[in-house]
């Protein structure tokens, strides 16, 4: 519930400041959270883990869209996507650095006894679960691949 309160507070501030980019991003976040709540059919709030997953997905979607627009030399369409991704990412936990992710990956490899690429799925599952919302899946994957190969 605290995330929804934070979003509403930020929406009110964006309305007062007439910041259309932030307002659009925050409305999209509110919409996704409400959709997730109604999808379960319950009136209860969704968990913080689910909220983080939703926000991470939204940031990833916007970054992917911006990358496609930049490939097509459409900076006019890419800039709002990047700006919205920045607004949404303010509500995510701080992202870990590659060094911090590497430490977690190495610890997981030691615990599981992984020896090669055949164990990548096992390591990825454990690391992704541990770092949910704190690290990007692509970054985790590239570090796991480097350590297991």
C-alpha atoms as a PDB file:
ATOM      1  CA  UNK A   1       0.000   0.000   0.000  1.00  0.00           C
ATOM      2  CA  UNK A   2       2.871   2.389   0.672  1.00  0.00           C
ATOM      3  CA  UNK A   3       3.884   2.311  -2.996  1.00  0.00           C
ATOM      4  CA  UNK A   4       0.379   3.332  -4.048  1.00  0.00           C
ATOM      5  CA  UNK A   5       0.439   6.189  -1.544  1.00  0.00           C
ATOM      6  CA  UNK A   6       3.854   7.290  -2.843  1.00  0.00           C
ATOM      7  CA  UNK A   7       2.582   7.150  -6.437  1.00  0.00           C
ATOM      8  CA  UNK A   8      -0.497   9.225  -5.598  1.00  0.00           C
ATOM      9  CA  UNK A   9       1.659  11.795  -3.813  1.00  0.00           C
ATOM     10  CA  UNK A  10       4.009  11.986  -6.803  1.00  0.00           C
ATOM     11  CA  UNK A  11       1.021  12.263  -9.173  1.00  0.00           C
ATOM     12  CA  UNK A  12      -0.333  15.220  -7.217  1.00  0.00           C
ATOM     13  CA  UNK A  13       3.078  16.894  -7.326  1.00  0.00           C
ATOM     14  CA  UNK A  14       3.361  16.248 -11.080  1.00  0.00           C
ATOM     15  CA  UNK A  15      -0.091  17.760 -11.614  1.00  0.00           C
ATOM     16  CA  UNK A  16       0.844  20.868  -9.657  1.00  0.00           C
ATOM     17  CA  UNK A  17       4.123  21.202 -11.577  1.00  0.00           C
ATOM     18  CA  UNK A  18       2.353  20.451 -14.880  1.00  0.00           C
ATOM     19  CA  UNK A  19       4.936  17.748 -15.620  1.00  0.00           C
ATOM     20  CA  UNK A  20       3.128  15.766 -18.318  1.00  0.00           C
ATOM     21  CA  UNK A  21       5.859  13.147 -18.748  1.00  0.00           C
ATOM     22  CA  UNK A  22       5.940  12.251 -15.059  1.00  0.00           C
ATOM     23  CA  UNK A  23       2.159  12.334 -14.884  1.00  0.00           C
ATOM     24  CA  UNK A  24       1.805   9.926 -17.813  1.00  0.00           C
ATOM     25  CA  UNK A  25       4.347   7.528 -16.291  1.00  0.00           C
ATOM     26  CA  UNK A  26       2.725   7.620 -12.853  1.00  0.00           C
ATOM     27  CA  UNK A  27      -0.743   7.096 -14.281  1.00  0.00           C
ATOM     28  CA  UNK A  28       0.552   4.068 -16.159  1.00  0.00           C
ATOM     29  CA  UNK A  29       2.053   2.667 -12.943  1.00  0.00           C
ATOM     30  CA  UNK A  30      -1.190   3.222 -11.049  1.00  0.00           C
ATOM     31  CA  UNK A  31      -3.115   1.524 -13.851  1.00  0.00           C
ATOM     32  CA  UNK A  32      -0.821  -1.525 -13.897  1.00  0.00           C
ATOM     33  CA  UNK A  33      -1.060  -1.923 -10.128  1.00  0.00           C
ATOM     34  CA  UNK A  34      -4.859  -1.705 -10.222  1.00  0.00           C
ATOM     35  CA  UNK A  35      -4.947  -4.249 -13.051  1.00  0.00           C
ATOM     36  CA  UNK A  36      -2.761  -6.612 -11.033  1.00  0.00           C
ATOM     37  CA  UNK A  37      -5.052  -6.243  -8.027  1.00  0.00           C
ATOM     38  CA  UNK A  38      -8.214  -6.920 -10.001  1.00  0.00           C
ATOM     39  CA  UNK A  39      -6.638  -9.834 -11.890  1.00  0.00           C
ATOM     40  CA  UNK A  40      -6.544 -11.858  -8.689  1.00  0.00           C
ATOM     41  CA  UNK A  41     -10.183 -11.040  -7.996  1.00  0.00           C
ATOM     42  CA  UNK A  42      -9.446  -9.947  -4.468  1.00  0.00           C
ATOM     43  CA  UNK A  43      -9.727  -6.540  -2.919  1.00  0.00           C
ATOM     44  CA  UNK A  44      -6.469  -7.016  -1.063  1.00  0.00           C
ATOM     45  CA  UNK A  45      -3.312  -5.150  -1.968  1.00  0.00           C
ATOM     46  CA  UNK A  46      -0.648  -6.907  -3.972  1.00  0.00           C
ATOM     47  CA  UNK A  47       2.636  -7.749  -2.290  1.00  0.00           C
ATOM     48  CA  UNK A  48       5.685  -5.539  -2.426  1.00  0.00           C
ATOM     49  CA  UNK A  49       7.471  -8.185  -4.503  1.00  0.00           C
ATOM     50  CA  UNK A  50       4.692  -8.039  -7.103  1.00  0.00           C
ATOM     51  CA  UNK A  51       4.841  -4.239  -7.134  1.00  0.00           C
ATOM     52  CA  UNK A  52       8.580  -4.355  -7.784  1.00  0.00           C
ATOM     53  CA  UNK A  53       8.056  -6.861 -10.606  1.00  0.00           C
ATOM     54  CA  UNK A  54       5.465  -4.574 -12.201  1.00  0.00           C
ATOM     55  CA  UNK A  55       7.711  -1.521 -11.963  1.00  0.00           C
ATOM     56  CA  UNK A  56      10.730  -3.425 -13.295  1.00  0.00           C
ATOM     57  CA  UNK A  57       8.686  -4.682 -16.233  1.00  0.00           C
ATOM     58  CA  UNK A  58       7.464  -1.174 -17.025  1.00  0.00           C
ATOM     59  CA  UNK A  59      10.972   0.293 -16.931  1.00  0.00           C
ATOM     60  CA  UNK A  60      12.253  -2.512 -19.164  1.00  0.00           C
ATOM     61  CA  UNK A  61       9.419  -1.967 -21.664  1.00  0.00           C
ATOM     62  CA  UNK A  62      10.178   1.728 -21.905  1.00  0.00           C
ATOM     63  CA  UNK A  63      13.916   1.186 -22.294  1.00  0.00           C
ATOM     64  CA  UNK A  64      13.328  -1.418 -25.004  1.00  0.00           C
ATOM     65  CA  UNK A  65      10.957   0.924 -26.832  1.00  0.00           C
ATOM     66  CA  UNK A  66      13.459   3.771 -26.584  1.00  0.00           C
ATOM     67  CA  UNK A  67      16.215   1.541 -28.004  1.00  0.00           C
ATOM     68  CA  UNK A  68      14.026   0.636 -30.984  1.00  0.00           C
ATOM     69  CA  UNK A  69      13.130   4.276 -31.570  1.00  0.00           C
ATOM     70  CA  UNK A  70      16.801   5.290 -31.398  1.00  0.00           C
ATOM     71  CA  UNK A  71      17.717   2.599 -33.949  1.00  0.00           C
ATOM     72  CA  UNK A  72      15.174   4.154 -36.275  1.00  0.00           C
ATOM     73  CA  UNK A  73      16.503   7.679 -35.623  1.00  0.00           C
ATOM     74  CA  UNK A  74      13.261   8.705 -33.908  1.00  0.00           C
ATOM     75  CA  UNK A  75      14.654  10.738 -31.018  1.00  0.00           C
ATOM     76  CA  UNK A  76      11.309  12.523 -30.695  1.00  0.00           C
ATOM     77  CA  UNK A  77       9.703   9.224 -29.642  1.00  0.00           C
ATOM     78  CA  UNK A  78      12.665   7.882 -27.650  1.00  0.00           C
ATOM     79  CA  UNK A  79      13.054  10.848 -25.311  1.00  0.00           C
ATOM     80  CA  UNK A  80       9.618  10.531 -23.623  1.00  0.00           C
ATOM     81  CA  UNK A  81      10.160   6.788 -23.153  1.00  0.00           C
ATOM     82  CA  UNK A  82      13.525   7.382 -21.476  1.00  0.00           C
ATOM     83  CA  UNK A  83      12.062  10.135 -19.297  1.00  0.00           C
ATOM     84  CA  UNK A  84       9.174   7.908 -18.210  1.00  0.00           C
ATOM     85  CA  UNK A  85      11.587   5.061 -17.415  1.00  0.00           C
ATOM     86  CA  UNK A  86      13.539   7.420 -15.163  1.00  0.00           C
ATOM     87  CA  UNK A  87      10.380   8.520 -13.350  1.00  0.00           C
ATOM     88  CA  UNK A  88       9.254   4.929 -12.765  1.00  0.00           C
ATOM     89  CA  UNK A  89      12.716   3.740 -11.692  1.00  0.00           C
ATOM     90  CA  UNK A  90      12.664   6.238  -8.799  1.00  0.00           C
ATOM     91  CA  UNK A  91      10.179   3.899  -7.102  1.00  0.00           C
ATOM     92  CA  UNK A  92      12.390   0.815  -7.525  1.00  0.00           C
ATOM     93  CA  UNK A  93      14.994  -0.257  -4.982  1.00  0.00           C
ATOM     94  CA  UNK A  94      18.488   0.955  -5.800  1.00  0.00           C
ATOM     95  CA  UNK A  95      20.123  -1.215  -8.436  1.00  0.00           C
ATOM     96  CA  UNK A  96      23.225  -3.195  -7.469  1.00  0.00           C
ATOM     97  CA  UNK A  97      26.537  -2.653  -9.207  1.00  0.00           C
ATOM     98  CA  UNK A  98      28.135  -5.377 -11.329  1.00  0.00           C
ATOM     99  CA  UNK A  99      30.661  -6.051  -8.557  1.00  0.00           C
ATOM    100  CA  UNK A 100      27.883  -6.629  -6.008  1.00  0.00           C
ATOM    101  CA  UNK A 101      26.028  -8.905  -8.432  1.00  0.00           C
ATOM    102  CA  UNK A 102      29.255 -10.833  -9.085  1.00  0.00           C
ATOM    103  CA  UNK A 103      29.668 -11.451  -5.350  1.00  0.00           C
ATOM    104  CA  UNK A 104      26.137 -12.914  -5.132  1.00  0.00           C
ATOM    105  CA  UNK A 105      26.714 -15.021  -8.273  1.00  0.00           C
ATOM    106  CA  UNK A 106      29.998 -16.428  -6.947  1.00  0.00           C
ATOM    107  CA  UNK A 107      28.387 -17.246  -3.591  1.00  0.00           C
ATOM    108  CA  UNK A 108      25.508 -19.026  -5.348  1.00  0.00           C
ATOM    109  CA  UNK A 109      27.896 -20.981  -7.588  1.00  0.00           C
ATOM    110  CA  UNK A 110      29.801 -22.112  -4.489  1.00  0.00           C
ATOM    111  CA  UNK A 111      26.604 -23.131  -2.666  1.00  0.00           C
ATOM    112  CA  UNK A 112      25.130 -25.050  -5.611  1.00  0.00           C
ATOM    113  CA  UNK A 113      28.419 -26.563  -6.729  1.00  0.00           C
ATOM    114  CA  UNK A 114      27.750 -25.433 -10.315  1.00  0.00           C
ATOM    115  CA  UNK A 115      30.571 -26.389 -12.665  1.00  0.00           C
ATOM    116  CA  UNK A 116      29.526 -25.397 -16.153  1.00  0.00           C
ATOM    117  CA  UNK A 117      26.910 -24.015 -18.479  1.00  0.00           C
ATOM    118  CA  UNK A 118      24.673 -27.027 -17.771  1.00  0.00           C
ATOM    119  CA  UNK A 119      24.084 -25.555 -14.288  1.00  0.00           C
ATOM    120  CA  UNK A 120      23.274 -22.053 -15.530  1.00  0.00           C
ATOM    121  CA  UNK A 121      19.514 -22.449 -15.044  1.00  0.00           C
ATOM    122  CA  UNK A 122      19.912 -23.478 -11.423  1.00  0.00           C
ATOM    123  CA  UNK A 123      22.258 -20.574 -10.659  1.00  0.00           C
ATOM    124  CA  UNK A 124      20.130 -18.049 -12.583  1.00  0.00           C
ATOM    125  CA  UNK A 125      17.000 -19.115 -10.699  1.00  0.00           C
ATOM    126  CA  UNK A 126      18.573 -18.688  -7.287  1.00  0.00           C
ATOM    127  CA  UNK A 127      20.341 -15.415  -8.096  1.00  0.00           C
ATOM    128  CA  UNK A 128      17.276 -13.918  -9.795  1.00  0.00           C
ATOM    129  CA  UNK A 129      15.135 -14.781  -6.802  1.00  0.00           C
ATOM    130  CA  UNK A 130      17.646 -13.286  -4.377  1.00  0.00           C
ATOM    131  CA  UNK A 131      18.159 -10.084  -6.390  1.00  0.00           C
ATOM    132  CA  UNK A 132      14.547  -9.560  -7.490  1.00  0.00           C
ATOM    133  CA  UNK A 133      14.106  -5.890  -8.360  1.00  0.00           C
ATOM    134  CA  UNK A 134      17.687  -5.036  -7.431  1.00  0.00           C
ATOM    135  CA  UNK A 135      19.363  -6.123 -10.663  1.00  0.00           C
ATOM    136  CA  UNK A 136      18.509  -6.453 -14.329  1.00  0.00           C
ATOM    137  CA  UNK A 137      18.101  -9.992 -15.678  1.00  0.00           C
ATOM    138  CA  UNK A 138      20.419  -9.325 -18.636  1.00  0.00           C
ATOM    139  CA  UNK A 139      23.207  -8.203 -16.321  1.00  0.00           C
ATOM    140  CA  UNK A 140      22.759 -11.231 -14.070  1.00  0.00           C
ATOM    141  CA  UNK A 141      22.734 -13.546 -17.090  1.00  0.00           C
ATOM    142  CA  UNK A 142      25.923 -12.111 -18.590  1.00  0.00           C
ATOM    143  CA  UNK A 143      27.763 -12.389 -15.251  1.00  0.00           C
ATOM    144  CA  UNK A 144      26.583 -15.978 -14.685  1.00  0.00           C
ATOM    145  CA  UNK A 145      27.649 -16.937 -18.226  1.00  0.00           C
ATOM    146  CA  UNK A 146      31.077 -15.391 -17.714  1.00  0.00           C
ATOM    147  CA  UNK A 147      31.624 -17.178 -14.414  1.00  0.00           C
ATOM    148  CA  UNK A 148      30.389 -20.593 -15.576  1.00  0.00           C
ATOM    149  CA  UNK A 149      32.226 -20.697 -18.915  1.00  0.00           C
END
